[in-house]
Amino acid sequence: MFTEYIATQGDRWDSIAYKAYGDASKMNPIIEANPSISLSTSFVGGERLLVPIIEIKNETDKSLLPPWKRVPSDLEKQAAATAPLLLDIKTTGGLGSFDQSFD
């Protein structure tokens, strides 16, 4: 399985591997998946690359992963869990209000 990546100007094979896998040294699977693309030092931009989906253990650029591999971080999970509480406080005035006097 693969995901598609559109290179931006200045991207390199190692920088794309870092974005995709969190490890610049894992560029070989990307290079092998794109045999028609030159091994130039950097991309001009706009080139479409296939990025193999591999098992990863580091934090990655989650936008390059397929939706079923995008697991929310603990912070995102915590924010999602507290969102209804914050909405309730805002709509019900649960924190009280200020009358502009500070005496």
N, C-alpha and C. Protein backbone atom coordinates (compact mmCIF):
# COMPACT_ATOMS: atom_id res chain seq x y z
N MET A 1 0.84 -1.18 0.00
CA MET A 1 0.00 0.00 0.00
C MET A 1 0.89 1.24 0.00
N PHE A 2 0.35 2.27 -0.62
CA PHE A 2 1.08 3.52 -0.77
C PHE A 2 0.17 4.70 -0.46
N THR A 3 0.78 5.83 -0.16
CA THR A 3 0.09 7.10 -0.11
C THR A 3 0.85 8.03 -1.07
N GLU A 4 0.20 9.05 -1.55
CA GLU A 4 0.84 9.95 -2.51
C GLU A 4 1.36 11.18 -1.79
N TYR A 5 2.51 11.64 -2.21
CA TYR A 5 3.11 12.86 -1.68
C TYR A 5 3.48 13.74 -2.86
N ILE A 6 3.14 15.01 -2.79
CA ILE A 6 3.53 15.96 -3.83
C ILE A 6 4.68 16.78 -3.27
N ALA A 7 5.83 16.65 -3.90
CA ALA A 7 7.04 17.31 -3.43
C ALA A 7 6.92 18.82 -3.56
N THR A 8 7.53 19.51 -2.61
CA THR A 8 7.62 20.96 -2.68
C THR A 8 9.07 21.32 -3.01
N GLN A 9 9.27 22.52 -3.48
CA GLN A 9 10.61 22.94 -3.86
C GLN A 9 11.56 22.79 -2.67
N GLY A 10 12.69 22.16 -2.92
CA GLY A 10 13.69 21.97 -1.88
C GLY A 10 13.59 20.66 -1.14
N ASP A 11 12.47 19.93 -1.32
CA ASP A 11 12.37 18.61 -0.69
C ASP A 11 13.52 17.74 -1.18
N ARG A 12 13.96 16.85 -0.31
CA ARG A 12 14.96 15.85 -0.66
C ARG A 12 14.40 14.49 -0.25
N TRP A 13 15.00 13.43 -0.75
CA TRP A 13 14.52 12.09 -0.40
C TRP A 13 14.52 11.90 1.12
N ASP A 14 15.58 12.34 1.77
CA ASP A 14 15.67 12.15 3.22
C ASP A 14 14.65 13.01 3.97
N SER A 15 14.38 14.22 3.47
CA SER A 15 13.40 15.07 4.16
C SER A 15 11.98 14.52 4.01
N ILE A 16 11.72 13.91 2.86
CA ILE A 16 10.40 13.28 2.67
C ILE A 16 10.27 12.07 3.58
N ALA A 17 11.33 11.28 3.70
CA ALA A 17 11.32 10.13 4.61
C ALA A 17 11.11 10.59 6.04
N TYR A 18 11.71 11.70 6.41
CA TYR A 18 11.53 12.22 7.77
C TYR A 18 10.08 12.64 8.00
N LYS A 19 9.50 13.33 7.00
CA LYS A 19 8.10 13.74 7.12
C LYS A 19 7.17 12.53 7.21
N ALA A 20 7.46 11.52 6.41
CA ALA A 20 6.57 10.36 6.34
C ALA A 20 6.76 9.39 7.49
N TYR A 21 8.01 9.16 7.87
CA TYR A 21 8.31 8.10 8.84
C TYR A 21 8.94 8.59 10.13
N GLY A 22 9.33 9.86 10.17
CA GLY A 22 10.00 10.36 11.36
C GLY A 22 11.45 9.94 11.43
N ASP A 23 12.00 9.45 10.31
CA ASP A 23 13.36 8.95 10.27
C ASP A 23 13.91 9.15 8.86
N ALA A 24 14.84 10.08 8.72
CA ALA A 24 15.40 10.41 7.41
C ALA A 24 16.14 9.24 6.77
N SER A 25 16.62 8.32 7.59
CA SER A 25 17.38 7.19 7.04
C SER A 25 16.49 6.16 6.34
N LYS A 26 15.17 6.30 6.45
CA LYS A 26 14.25 5.35 5.82
C LYS A 26 13.82 5.80 4.43
N MET A 27 14.72 6.47 3.71
CA MET A 27 14.36 6.96 2.39
C MET A 27 14.39 5.88 1.32
N ASN A 28 15.08 4.78 1.54
CA ASN A 28 15.19 3.73 0.52
C ASN A 28 13.85 3.17 0.06
N PRO A 29 12.89 2.89 0.94
CA PRO A 29 11.60 2.40 0.43
C PRO A 29 10.91 3.40 -0.50
N ILE A 30 11.09 4.68 -0.23
CA ILE A 30 10.47 5.71 -1.07
C ILE A 30 11.18 5.76 -2.43
N ILE A 31 12.50 5.70 -2.40
CA ILE A 31 13.28 5.71 -3.65
C ILE A 31 12.91 4.49 -4.50
N GLU A 32 12.83 3.32 -3.88
CA GLU A 32 12.51 2.09 -4.60
C GLU A 32 11.10 2.11 -5.18
N ALA A 33 10.17 2.81 -4.52
CA ALA A 33 8.79 2.89 -4.99
C ALA A 33 8.63 3.87 -6.15
N ASN A 34 9.67 4.65 -6.43
CA ASN A 34 9.62 5.68 -7.47
C ASN A 34 10.81 5.56 -8.41
N PRO A 35 10.95 4.43 -9.12
CA PRO A 35 12.14 4.22 -9.95
C PRO A 35 12.26 5.19 -11.13
N SER A 36 11.17 5.80 -11.54
CA SER A 36 11.23 6.70 -12.69
C SER A 36 11.69 8.11 -12.32
N ILE A 37 11.85 8.37 -11.03
CA ILE A 37 12.24 9.71 -10.59
C ILE A 37 13.74 9.74 -10.32
N SER A 38 14.39 10.75 -10.83
CA SER A 38 15.84 10.92 -10.70
C SER A 38 16.26 11.04 -9.24
N LEU A 39 17.45 10.59 -8.95
CA LEU A 39 18.00 10.71 -7.60
C LEU A 39 18.69 12.07 -7.43
N SER A 40 18.02 13.12 -7.87
CA SER A 40 18.59 14.45 -7.76
C SER A 40 18.74 14.85 -6.29
N THR A 41 19.52 15.88 -6.06
CA THR A 41 19.76 16.31 -4.68
C THR A 41 18.53 16.94 -4.05
N SER A 42 17.73 17.65 -4.83
CA SER A 42 16.48 18.21 -4.30
C SER A 42 15.44 18.30 -5.41
N PHE A 43 14.18 18.35 -4.98
CA PHE A 43 13.07 18.40 -5.93
C PHE A 43 12.74 19.83 -6.29
N VAL A 44 12.28 20.03 -7.52
CA VAL A 44 11.84 21.34 -7.98
C VAL A 44 10.49 21.69 -7.35
N GLY A 45 9.66 20.70 -7.20
CA GLY A 45 8.32 20.88 -6.64
C GLY A 45 7.27 20.42 -7.64
N GLY A 46 6.22 19.81 -7.14
CA GLY A 46 5.14 19.33 -7.98
C GLY A 46 5.25 17.87 -8.38
N GLU A 47 6.40 17.25 -8.13
CA GLU A 47 6.55 15.83 -8.47
C GLU A 47 5.67 14.99 -7.55
N ARG A 48 5.00 14.02 -8.15
CA ARG A 48 4.13 13.12 -7.37
C ARG A 48 4.92 11.87 -7.05
N LEU A 49 5.00 11.55 -5.77
CA LEU A 49 5.76 10.39 -5.32
C LEU A 49 4.84 9.41 -4.61
N LEU A 50 5.14 8.13 -4.75
CA LEU A 50 4.46 7.12 -3.96
C LEU A 50 5.29 6.89 -2.70
N VAL A 51 4.62 6.94 -1.56
CA VAL A 51 5.29 6.71 -0.29
C VAL A 51 4.71 5.42 0.28
N PRO A 52 5.53 4.36 0.37
CA PRO A 52 5.03 3.10 0.92
C PRO A 52 4.59 3.27 2.37
N ILE A 53 3.52 2.60 2.70
CA ILE A 53 3.05 2.60 4.08
C ILE A 53 3.77 1.47 4.80
N ILE A 54 4.60 1.85 5.75
CA ILE A 54 5.36 0.86 6.50
C ILE A 54 5.05 1.05 7.98
N GLU A 55 5.36 0.04 8.75
CA GLU A 55 5.17 0.13 10.21
C GLU A 55 6.17 1.15 10.74
N ILE A 56 5.67 2.11 11.51
CA ILE A 56 6.53 3.16 12.04
C ILE A 56 6.43 3.19 13.55
N LYS A 57 7.48 3.64 14.17
CA LYS A 57 7.50 3.69 15.62
C LYS A 57 7.73 5.10 16.15
N ASN A 58 7.96 6.07 15.27
CA ASN A 58 8.25 7.44 15.67
C ASN A 58 7.05 8.33 15.35
N GLU A 59 7.12 9.56 15.87
CA GLU A 59 6.13 10.58 15.51
C GLU A 59 6.38 10.96 14.06
N THR A 60 5.33 11.07 13.25
CA THR A 60 5.49 11.36 11.84
C THR A 60 4.57 12.48 11.42
N ASP A 61 4.74 12.89 10.20
CA ASP A 61 3.81 13.83 9.60
C ASP A 61 2.54 13.03 9.29
N LYS A 62 1.55 13.13 10.16
CA LYS A 62 0.37 12.28 10.06
C LYS A 62 -0.44 12.56 8.80
N SER A 63 -0.24 13.70 8.17
CA SER A 63 -0.98 13.98 6.94
C SER A 63 -0.57 13.04 5.81
N LEU A 64 0.60 12.42 5.91
CA LEU A 64 1.05 11.50 4.88
C LEU A 64 0.54 10.08 5.09
N LEU A 65 -0.07 9.83 6.25
CA LEU A 65 -0.58 8.49 6.54
C LEU A 65 -2.01 8.36 6.05
N PRO A 66 -2.44 7.15 5.72
CA PRO A 66 -3.85 6.97 5.36
C PRO A 66 -4.71 7.19 6.61
N PRO A 67 -5.97 7.55 6.46
CA PRO A 67 -6.81 7.89 7.60
C PRO A 67 -6.84 6.84 8.70
N TRP A 68 -6.83 5.55 8.35
CA TRP A 68 -6.91 4.52 9.38
C TRP A 68 -5.62 4.37 10.18
N LYS A 69 -4.53 5.01 9.72
CA LYS A 69 -3.26 4.96 10.45
C LYS A 69 -3.03 6.23 11.27
N ARG A 70 -3.92 7.22 11.15
CA ARG A 70 -3.76 8.49 11.86
C ARG A 70 -4.35 8.36 13.26
N VAL A 71 -3.55 7.95 14.19
CA VAL A 71 -3.99 7.79 15.57
C VAL A 71 -3.74 9.10 16.29
N PRO A 72 -4.76 9.66 16.92
CA PRO A 72 -4.57 10.94 17.60
C PRO A 72 -3.57 10.83 18.75
N SER A 73 -2.80 11.88 18.95
CA SER A 73 -1.87 11.90 20.07
C SER A 73 -2.65 12.03 21.37
N ASP A 74 -1.98 11.81 22.48
CA ASP A 74 -2.63 11.92 23.78
C ASP A 74 -3.21 13.32 23.99
N LEU A 75 -2.50 14.35 23.52
CA LEU A 75 -2.99 15.71 23.65
C LEU A 75 -4.28 15.90 22.85
N GLU A 76 -4.33 15.36 21.63
CA GLU A 76 -5.54 15.46 20.82
C GLU A 76 -6.70 14.71 21.47
N LYS A 77 -6.41 13.54 22.04
CA LYS A 77 -7.45 12.78 22.73
C LYS A 77 -7.99 13.56 23.92
N GLN A 78 -7.06 14.19 24.67
CA GLN A 78 -7.47 14.96 25.84
C GLN A 78 -8.32 16.16 25.43
N ALA A 79 -7.93 16.83 24.35
CA ALA A 79 -8.70 17.98 23.87
C ALA A 79 -10.09 17.56 23.42
N ALA A 80 -10.18 16.42 22.73
CA ALA A 80 -11.48 15.93 22.28
C ALA A 80 -12.37 15.57 23.46
N ALA A 81 -11.77 15.04 24.52
CA ALA A 81 -12.55 14.65 25.70
C ALA A 81 -13.06 15.86 26.47
N THR A 82 -12.32 16.97 26.46
CA THR A 82 -12.73 18.14 27.23
C THR A 82 -13.58 19.11 26.42
N ALA A 83 -13.64 18.96 25.10
CA ALA A 83 -14.40 19.89 24.26
C ALA A 83 -15.86 20.02 24.69
N PRO A 84 -16.59 18.92 24.95
CA PRO A 84 -17.98 19.08 25.38
C PRO A 84 -18.09 19.84 26.69
N LEU A 85 -17.15 19.62 27.61
CA LEU A 85 -17.16 20.32 28.89
C LEU A 85 -16.97 21.82 28.68
N LEU A 86 -16.02 22.19 27.84
CA LEU A 86 -15.77 23.60 27.57
C LEU A 86 -16.96 24.25 26.88
N LEU A 87 -17.58 23.55 25.97
CA LEU A 87 -18.76 24.07 25.30
C LEU A 87 -19.87 24.30 26.30
N ASP A 88 -20.07 23.38 27.24
CA ASP A 88 -21.10 23.51 28.25
C ASP A 88 -20.84 24.72 29.14
N ILE A 89 -19.61 24.92 29.55
CA ILE A 89 -19.27 26.07 30.40
C ILE A 89 -19.54 27.37 29.65
N LYS A 90 -19.19 27.43 28.39
CA LYS A 90 -19.38 28.64 27.61
C LYS A 90 -20.86 28.95 27.40
N THR A 91 -21.66 27.95 27.11
CA THR A 91 -23.07 28.21 26.81
C THR A 91 -23.91 28.44 28.05
N THR A 92 -23.50 27.90 29.18
CA THR A 92 -24.32 28.06 30.38
C THR A 92 -23.81 29.14 31.31
N GLY A 93 -22.67 29.72 30.97
CA GLY A 93 -22.11 30.74 31.86
C GLY A 93 -21.60 30.13 33.14
N GLY A 94 -21.17 28.92 33.11
CA GLY A 94 -20.76 28.18 34.31
C GLY A 94 -19.58 28.78 35.05
N LEU A 95 -18.84 29.68 34.45
CA LEU A 95 -17.71 30.29 35.14
C LEU A 95 -18.07 31.62 35.78
N GLY A 96 -19.30 32.04 35.68
CA GLY A 96 -19.69 33.33 36.23
C GLY A 96 -19.37 34.44 35.24
N SER A 97 -19.53 35.67 35.69
CA SER A 97 -19.25 36.79 34.81
C SER A 97 -18.61 37.90 35.62
N PHE A 98 -17.97 38.80 34.93
CA PHE A 98 -17.33 39.94 35.59
C PHE A 98 -18.21 41.17 35.41
N ASP A 99 -18.25 42.00 36.47
CA ASP A 99 -19.06 43.22 36.34
C ASP A 99 -18.17 44.44 36.14
N GLN A 100 -16.94 44.24 35.77
CA GLN A 100 -15.96 45.29 35.49
C GLN A 100 -15.47 46.01 36.74
N SER A 101 -15.91 45.62 37.95
CA SER A 101 -15.36 46.25 39.15
C SER A 101 -14.35 45.30 39.77
N PHE A 102 -13.27 45.86 40.24
CA PHE A 102 -12.21 45.04 40.80
C PHE A 102 -11.98 45.35 42.28
N ASP A 103 -12.93 45.96 42.96
CA ASP A 103 -12.79 46.29 44.39
C ASP A 103 -12.95 45.09 45.25
